[in-house]
């Protein structure tokens, strides 16, 4: 009579671990991380009482540096900005304005005049917390 030894069956886990790593790599590579819609690198002024709040879903983003102007993440000039603002239908949308602290006052007034002519009065000036 043959003597049968009882062996415990344990599946090989190597292929399953390989599969998990492949899935992990796939999801890491294919994931799109949300990038802020800021086109300009600005040095914002500091404020004592507040900080920049989380961006809302529906809003207009205006950025102004010493040399550039951006609207919703796209660099534009003042004429193109006026055309873009003219296409805004909901005048109650909040306008988030980010202005570099070294920008000349005349450029700021020019942006505010553009917003005023398009009747966009719901302005939020963004600062950083001290």
N, C-alpha and C. Protein backbone atom coordinates (compact mmCIF):
# COMPACT_ATOMS: atom_id res chain seq x y z
N UNK A 1 0.81 -1.17 0.00
CA UNK A 1 0.00 0.00 0.00
C UNK A 1 0.86 1.25 0.00
N UNK A 2 0.40 2.17 -0.82
CA UNK A 2 1.14 3.42 -0.89
C UNK A 2 0.70 4.32 0.24
N UNK A 3 1.66 4.96 0.77
CA UNK A 3 1.36 5.89 1.85
C UNK A 3 1.21 7.29 1.25
N UNK A 4 0.05 7.85 1.39
CA UNK A 4 -0.19 9.20 0.87
C UNK A 4 0.04 10.22 1.98
N UNK A 5 0.84 11.16 1.66
CA UNK A 5 1.05 12.21 2.65
C UNK A 5 0.09 13.37 2.37
N UNK A 6 -0.40 13.90 3.38
CA UNK A 6 -1.32 15.03 3.23
C UNK A 6 -0.52 16.32 3.17
N UNK A 7 -0.67 16.98 2.04
CA UNK A 7 -0.01 18.26 1.89
C UNK A 7 -1.08 19.34 1.93
N UNK A 8 -0.77 20.39 2.59
CA UNK A 8 -1.73 21.50 2.61
C UNK A 8 -1.55 22.29 1.33
N UNK A 9 -2.67 22.60 0.75
CA UNK A 9 -2.65 23.33 -0.51
C UNK A 9 -2.69 24.82 -0.21
N UNK A 10 -1.70 25.54 -0.71
CA UNK A 10 -1.70 26.99 -0.58
C UNK A 10 -1.37 27.56 -1.95
N UNK A 11 -2.24 28.41 -2.44
CA UNK A 11 -2.00 28.95 -3.79
C UNK A 11 -0.80 29.90 -3.78
N UNK A 12 -0.19 29.99 -4.92
CA UNK A 12 0.95 30.88 -5.08
C UNK A 12 0.43 32.32 -5.17
N UNK A 13 0.88 33.18 -4.28
CA UNK A 13 0.38 34.55 -4.21
C UNK A 13 1.16 35.52 -5.10
N UNK A 14 2.21 35.08 -5.70
CA UNK A 14 3.04 35.97 -6.51
C UNK A 14 2.27 36.59 -7.68
N UNK A 15 1.50 35.84 -8.46
CA UNK A 15 0.75 36.49 -9.55
C UNK A 15 -0.28 37.50 -9.06
N UNK A 16 -0.91 37.21 -7.90
CA UNK A 16 -1.89 38.14 -7.36
C UNK A 16 -1.21 39.43 -6.89
N UNK A 17 -0.05 39.35 -6.29
CA UNK A 17 0.69 40.53 -5.86
C UNK A 17 1.14 41.33 -7.07
N UNK A 18 1.58 40.64 -8.13
CA UNK A 18 1.95 41.33 -9.36
C UNK A 18 0.77 42.08 -9.95
N UNK A 19 -0.38 41.45 -9.92
CA UNK A 19 -1.60 42.08 -10.45
C UNK A 19 -1.95 43.33 -9.64
N UNK A 20 -1.85 43.26 -8.32
CA UNK A 20 -2.15 44.42 -7.47
C UNK A 20 -1.20 45.57 -7.78
N UNK A 21 0.08 45.28 -7.94
CA UNK A 21 1.04 46.33 -8.27
C UNK A 21 0.77 46.93 -9.64
N UNK A 22 0.41 46.10 -10.60
CA UNK A 22 0.08 46.61 -11.92
C UNK A 22 -1.15 47.53 -11.88
N UNK A 23 -2.16 47.12 -11.13
CA UNK A 23 -3.35 47.98 -10.98
C UNK A 23 -3.00 49.29 -10.28
N UNK A 24 -2.18 49.22 -9.25
CA UNK A 24 -1.77 50.41 -8.53
C UNK A 24 -1.03 51.37 -9.47
N UNK A 25 -0.12 50.86 -10.25
CA UNK A 25 0.62 51.69 -11.20
C UNK A 25 -0.32 52.28 -12.24
N UNK A 26 -1.25 51.47 -12.74
CA UNK A 26 -2.21 51.96 -13.73
C UNK A 26 -3.02 53.13 -13.18
N UNK A 27 -3.54 53.00 -11.97
CA UNK A 27 -4.37 54.06 -11.40
C UNK A 27 -3.54 55.31 -11.08
N UNK A 28 -2.31 55.14 -10.65
CA UNK A 28 -1.47 56.30 -10.38
C UNK A 28 -1.13 57.06 -11.66
N UNK A 29 -0.88 56.34 -12.73
CA UNK A 29 -0.52 56.98 -13.99
C UNK A 29 -1.73 57.62 -14.65
N UNK A 30 -2.87 56.99 -14.56
CA UNK A 30 -4.06 57.49 -15.28
C UNK A 30 -4.86 58.51 -14.49
N UNK A 31 -4.54 58.73 -13.23
CA UNK A 31 -5.27 59.69 -12.43
C UNK A 31 -4.88 61.11 -12.80
N UNK A 32 -5.86 61.96 -12.95
CA UNK A 32 -5.61 63.37 -13.24
C UNK A 32 -5.81 64.13 -11.94
N UNK A 33 -4.75 64.76 -11.49
CA UNK A 33 -4.83 65.54 -10.28
C UNK A 33 -5.34 66.92 -10.63
N UNK A 34 -6.25 67.44 -9.82
CA UNK A 34 -6.84 68.75 -10.10
C UNK A 34 -5.78 69.82 -9.93
N UNK A 35 -5.60 70.57 -10.97
CA UNK A 35 -4.64 71.66 -10.94
C UNK A 35 -5.42 72.96 -10.78
N UNK A 36 -4.91 73.85 -9.96
CA UNK A 36 -5.55 75.14 -9.82
C UNK A 36 -5.57 75.85 -11.16
N UNK A 37 -6.60 76.61 -11.39
CA UNK A 37 -6.74 77.28 -12.67
C UNK A 37 -6.04 78.63 -12.67
N UNK A 38 -4.92 78.70 -12.02
CA UNK A 38 -4.16 79.95 -11.98
C UNK A 38 -3.11 79.90 -13.06
N UNK A 39 -3.06 80.94 -13.86
CA UNK A 39 -2.12 80.98 -14.96
C UNK A 39 -0.85 81.74 -14.60
N UNK A 40 -0.92 82.63 -13.64
CA UNK A 40 0.21 83.48 -13.29
C UNK A 40 0.72 83.13 -11.89
N UNK A 41 2.01 83.23 -11.72
CA UNK A 41 2.63 83.05 -10.41
C UNK A 41 2.68 84.42 -9.76
N UNK A 42 1.81 84.63 -8.76
CA UNK A 42 1.68 85.95 -8.15
C UNK A 42 2.21 85.94 -6.72
N UNK A 43 2.69 87.08 -6.29
CA UNK A 43 3.10 87.30 -4.92
C UNK A 43 1.99 88.12 -4.28
N UNK A 44 1.03 87.44 -3.63
CA UNK A 44 -0.14 88.10 -3.09
C UNK A 44 0.19 88.84 -1.80
N UNK A 45 -0.50 89.96 -1.54
CA UNK A 45 -0.30 90.66 -0.28
C UNK A 45 -0.88 89.86 0.88
N UNK A 46 -0.41 90.17 2.08
CA UNK A 46 -0.87 89.48 3.28
C UNK A 46 -2.05 90.25 3.90
N UNK A 47 -2.92 89.51 4.58
CA UNK A 47 -4.05 90.10 5.28
C UNK A 47 -4.13 89.52 6.68
N UNK A 48 -4.54 90.33 7.61
CA UNK A 48 -4.63 89.90 9.01
C UNK A 48 -5.84 89.01 9.25
N UNK A 49 -6.97 89.34 8.65
CA UNK A 49 -8.23 88.73 9.05
C UNK A 49 -8.67 87.56 8.23
N UNK A 50 -8.06 87.27 7.12
CA UNK A 50 -8.59 86.17 6.32
C UNK A 50 -7.54 85.55 5.45
N UNK A 51 -7.97 84.56 4.74
CA UNK A 51 -7.11 83.88 3.78
C UNK A 51 -7.95 83.52 2.57
N UNK A 52 -7.29 83.07 1.55
CA UNK A 52 -8.01 82.68 0.34
C UNK A 52 -8.90 81.48 0.66
N UNK A 53 -10.17 81.62 0.33
CA UNK A 53 -11.09 80.51 0.59
C UNK A 53 -11.08 79.57 -0.60
N UNK A 54 -11.68 78.41 -0.42
CA UNK A 54 -11.72 77.42 -1.49
C UNK A 54 -12.48 77.98 -2.68
N UNK A 55 -12.00 77.66 -3.85
CA UNK A 55 -12.63 78.13 -5.07
C UNK A 55 -14.00 77.50 -5.23
N UNK A 56 -14.96 78.31 -5.61
CA UNK A 56 -16.30 77.83 -5.83
C UNK A 56 -16.38 77.24 -7.23
N UNK A 57 -17.42 76.47 -7.47
CA UNK A 57 -17.56 75.83 -8.77
C UNK A 57 -17.79 76.85 -9.87
N UNK A 58 -18.72 77.76 -9.69
CA UNK A 58 -19.06 78.73 -10.72
C UNK A 58 -18.54 80.09 -10.30
N UNK A 59 -17.47 80.52 -10.93
CA UNK A 59 -16.93 81.83 -10.64
C UNK A 59 -16.02 82.26 -11.79
N UNK A 60 -15.64 83.50 -11.76
CA UNK A 60 -14.73 84.05 -12.75
C UNK A 60 -13.41 84.31 -12.06
N UNK A 61 -12.32 83.81 -12.63
CA UNK A 61 -11.00 83.99 -12.04
C UNK A 61 -10.22 85.00 -12.88
N UNK A 62 -9.80 86.10 -12.25
CA UNK A 62 -9.00 87.12 -12.92
C UNK A 62 -7.68 87.25 -12.16
N UNK A 63 -6.57 87.16 -12.90
CA UNK A 63 -5.25 87.29 -12.29
C UNK A 63 -4.50 88.42 -12.98
N UNK A 64 -3.77 89.19 -12.18
CA UNK A 64 -3.07 90.34 -12.73
C UNK A 64 -1.67 90.39 -12.13
N UNK A 65 -0.67 90.41 -13.01
CA UNK A 65 0.72 90.59 -12.57
C UNK A 65 1.22 91.89 -13.19
N UNK A 66 2.49 92.18 -12.98
CA UNK A 66 3.05 93.43 -13.50
C UNK A 66 3.03 93.47 -15.02
N UNK A 67 3.11 92.31 -15.66
CA UNK A 67 3.18 92.28 -17.13
C UNK A 67 2.05 91.50 -17.78
N UNK A 68 1.38 90.62 -17.06
CA UNK A 68 0.39 89.73 -17.67
C UNK A 68 -0.98 89.87 -17.04
N UNK A 69 -1.96 89.36 -17.77
CA UNK A 69 -3.35 89.32 -17.34
C UNK A 69 -3.91 87.96 -17.72
N UNK A 70 -4.67 87.33 -16.82
CA UNK A 70 -5.24 86.01 -17.12
C UNK A 70 -6.71 86.00 -16.72
N UNK A 71 -7.49 85.26 -17.52
CA UNK A 71 -8.92 85.10 -17.28
C UNK A 71 -9.22 83.61 -17.29
N UNK A 72 -9.69 83.08 -16.15
CA UNK A 72 -10.01 81.66 -15.99
C UNK A 72 -8.86 80.76 -16.46
N UNK A 73 -7.64 81.12 -16.10
CA UNK A 73 -6.49 80.29 -16.40
C UNK A 73 -5.87 80.49 -17.76
N UNK A 74 -6.35 81.46 -18.55
CA UNK A 74 -5.78 81.72 -19.88
C UNK A 74 -5.18 83.12 -19.89
N UNK A 75 -3.95 83.24 -20.38
CA UNK A 75 -3.32 84.55 -20.50
C UNK A 75 -3.96 85.31 -21.66
N UNK A 76 -4.36 86.55 -21.39
CA UNK A 76 -5.00 87.40 -22.39
C UNK A 76 -4.43 88.80 -22.31
N UNK A 77 -4.79 89.64 -23.28
CA UNK A 77 -4.53 91.06 -23.13
C UNK A 77 -5.85 91.73 -22.77
N UNK A 78 -5.83 93.04 -22.58
CA UNK A 78 -7.03 93.72 -22.11
C UNK A 78 -8.17 93.67 -23.12
N UNK A 79 -7.86 93.71 -24.42
CA UNK A 79 -8.91 93.66 -25.44
C UNK A 79 -9.59 92.28 -25.46
N UNK A 80 -8.79 91.23 -25.37
CA UNK A 80 -9.36 89.88 -25.33
C UNK A 80 -10.15 89.66 -24.05
N UNK A 81 -9.67 90.25 -22.96
CA UNK A 81 -10.37 90.14 -21.68
C UNK A 81 -11.75 90.78 -21.76
N UNK A 82 -11.84 91.91 -22.44
CA UNK A 82 -13.13 92.58 -22.59
C UNK A 82 -14.10 91.71 -23.39
N UNK A 83 -13.60 91.04 -24.42
CA UNK A 83 -14.45 90.15 -25.21
C UNK A 83 -14.93 88.97 -24.36
N UNK A 84 -14.03 88.40 -23.57
CA UNK A 84 -14.41 87.28 -22.71
C UNK A 84 -15.43 87.70 -21.66
N UNK A 85 -15.24 88.87 -21.07
CA UNK A 85 -16.18 89.35 -20.05
C UNK A 85 -17.52 89.69 -20.67
N UNK A 86 -17.53 90.11 -21.91
CA UNK A 86 -18.78 90.45 -22.59
C UNK A 86 -19.66 89.20 -22.78
N UNK A 87 -19.03 88.03 -22.87
CA UNK A 87 -19.78 86.79 -23.07
C UNK A 87 -20.37 86.22 -21.79
N UNK A 88 -20.07 86.81 -20.64
CA UNK A 88 -20.61 86.33 -19.36
C UNK A 88 -22.08 86.73 -19.28
N UNK A 89 -22.95 85.74 -19.10
CA UNK A 89 -24.38 86.02 -19.05
C UNK A 89 -24.89 86.22 -17.63
N UNK A 90 -24.35 85.44 -16.68
CA UNK A 90 -24.79 85.56 -15.29
C UNK A 90 -23.95 86.62 -14.59
N UNK A 91 -24.50 87.81 -14.43
CA UNK A 91 -23.76 88.93 -13.85
C UNK A 91 -23.60 88.81 -12.34
N UNK A 92 -24.26 87.83 -11.71
CA UNK A 92 -24.15 87.67 -10.27
C UNK A 92 -23.02 86.71 -9.88
N UNK A 93 -22.31 86.16 -10.86
CA UNK A 93 -21.20 85.26 -10.54
C UNK A 93 -20.13 86.00 -9.75
N UNK A 94 -19.54 85.34 -8.76
CA UNK A 94 -18.44 85.98 -8.05
C UNK A 94 -17.20 86.06 -8.93
N UNK A 95 -16.52 87.19 -8.86
CA UNK A 95 -15.30 87.41 -9.62
C UNK A 95 -14.15 87.39 -8.62
N UNK A 96 -13.32 86.35 -8.70
CA UNK A 96 -12.17 86.23 -7.80
C UNK A 96 -10.99 86.91 -8.47
N UNK A 97 -10.49 87.97 -7.84
CA UNK A 97 -9.41 88.77 -8.42
C UNK A 97 -8.14 88.55 -7.59
N UNK A 98 -7.10 88.05 -8.25
CA UNK A 98 -5.80 87.84 -7.63
C UNK A 98 -4.83 88.82 -8.26
N UNK A 99 -4.28 89.72 -7.45
CA UNK A 99 -3.41 90.78 -7.95
C UNK A 99 -2.07 90.69 -7.22
N UNK A 100 -1.00 90.66 -7.99
CA UNK A 100 0.34 90.68 -7.41
C UNK A 100 0.54 91.97 -6.63
N UNK A 101 1.23 91.91 -5.51
CA UNK A 101 1.35 93.09 -4.67
C UNK A 101 2.24 94.18 -5.26
N UNK A 102 2.97 93.87 -6.33
CA UNK A 102 3.84 94.86 -6.96
C UNK A 102 3.25 95.50 -8.21
N UNK A 103 1.97 95.22 -8.49
CA UNK A 103 1.33 95.76 -9.69
C UNK A 103 1.04 97.25 -9.50
N UNK A 104 1.29 98.01 -10.58
CA UNK A 104 0.99 99.44 -10.53
C UNK A 104 -0.52 99.66 -10.43
N UNK A 105 -0.89 100.69 -9.75
CA UNK A 105 -2.29 101.00 -9.48
C UNK A 105 -3.09 101.22 -10.77
N UNK A 106 -2.46 101.76 -11.80
CA UNK A 106 -3.16 102.02 -13.06
C UNK A 106 -3.66 100.72 -13.70
N UNK A 107 -2.86 99.66 -13.61
CA UNK A 107 -3.29 98.36 -14.17
C UNK A 107 -4.47 97.79 -13.39
N UNK A 108 -4.46 97.96 -12.08
CA UNK A 108 -5.57 97.48 -11.25
C UNK A 108 -6.86 98.22 -11.63
N UNK A 109 -6.77 99.52 -11.76
CA UNK A 109 -7.95 100.32 -12.12
C UNK A 109 -8.45 99.93 -13.51
N UNK A 110 -7.56 99.61 -14.42
CA UNK A 110 -7.97 99.20 -15.76
C UNK A 110 -8.78 97.91 -15.71
N UNK A 111 -8.35 96.96 -14.88
CA UNK A 111 -9.10 95.71 -14.72
C UNK A 111 -10.46 95.98 -14.07
N UNK A 112 -10.47 96.80 -13.02
CA UNK A 112 -11.74 97.12 -12.36
C UNK A 112 -12.70 97.84 -13.30
N UNK A 113 -12.17 98.71 -14.17
CA UNK A 113 -13.02 99.38 -15.15
C UNK A 113 -13.63 98.39 -16.13
N UNK A 114 -12.84 97.41 -16.55
CA UNK A 114 -13.38 96.37 -17.44
C UNK A 114 -14.52 95.61 -16.76
N UNK A 115 -14.33 95.27 -15.49
CA UNK A 115 -15.37 94.55 -14.76
C UNK A 115 -16.61 95.42 -14.58
N UNK A 116 -16.40 96.70 -14.32
CA UNK A 116 -17.52 97.61 -14.10
C UNK A 116 -18.32 97.81 -15.39
N UNK A 117 -17.66 97.94 -16.53
CA UNK A 117 -18.38 98.14 -17.79
C UNK A 117 -19.22 96.91 -18.15
N UNK A 118 -18.82 95.74 -17.69
CA UNK A 118 -19.59 94.52 -17.95
C UNK A 118 -20.56 94.22 -16.81
N UNK A 119 -20.68 95.14 -15.86
CA UNK A 119 -21.61 95.05 -14.72
C UNK A 119 -21.35 93.81 -13.85
N UNK A 120 -20.09 93.51 -13.65
CA UNK A 120 -19.68 92.43 -12.75
C UNK A 120 -19.18 93.08 -11.46
N UNK A 121 -20.05 93.09 -10.46
CA UNK A 121 -19.76 93.83 -9.23
C UNK A 121 -19.46 92.93 -8.03
N UNK A 122 -19.64 91.62 -8.17
CA UNK A 122 -19.44 90.69 -7.05
C UNK A 122 -17.96 90.30 -6.99
N UNK A 123 -17.13 91.20 -6.47
CA UNK A 123 -15.68 91.01 -6.47
C UNK A 123 -15.19 90.40 -5.16
N UNK A 124 -14.22 89.50 -5.29
CA UNK A 124 -13.51 88.95 -4.15
C UNK A 124 -12.02 89.16 -4.39
N UNK A 125 -11.38 89.96 -3.56
CA UNK A 125 -9.93 90.18 -3.67
C UNK A 125 -9.22 89.13 -2.83
N UNK A 126 -8.36 88.36 -3.45
CA UNK A 126 -7.69 87.24 -2.78
C UNK A 126 -6.38 87.70 -2.19
N UNK A 127 -6.15 87.30 -0.94
CA UNK A 127 -4.88 87.57 -0.25
C UNK A 127 -4.41 86.25 0.36
N UNK A 128 -3.24 86.29 0.96
CA UNK A 128 -2.76 85.15 1.72
C UNK A 128 -2.74 85.52 3.19
N UNK A 129 -2.86 84.52 4.04
CA UNK A 129 -2.89 84.76 5.48
C UNK A 129 -1.48 84.95 6.00
N UNK A 130 -1.31 85.90 6.93
CA UNK A 130 0.00 86.15 7.53
C UNK A 130 0.44 85.01 8.39
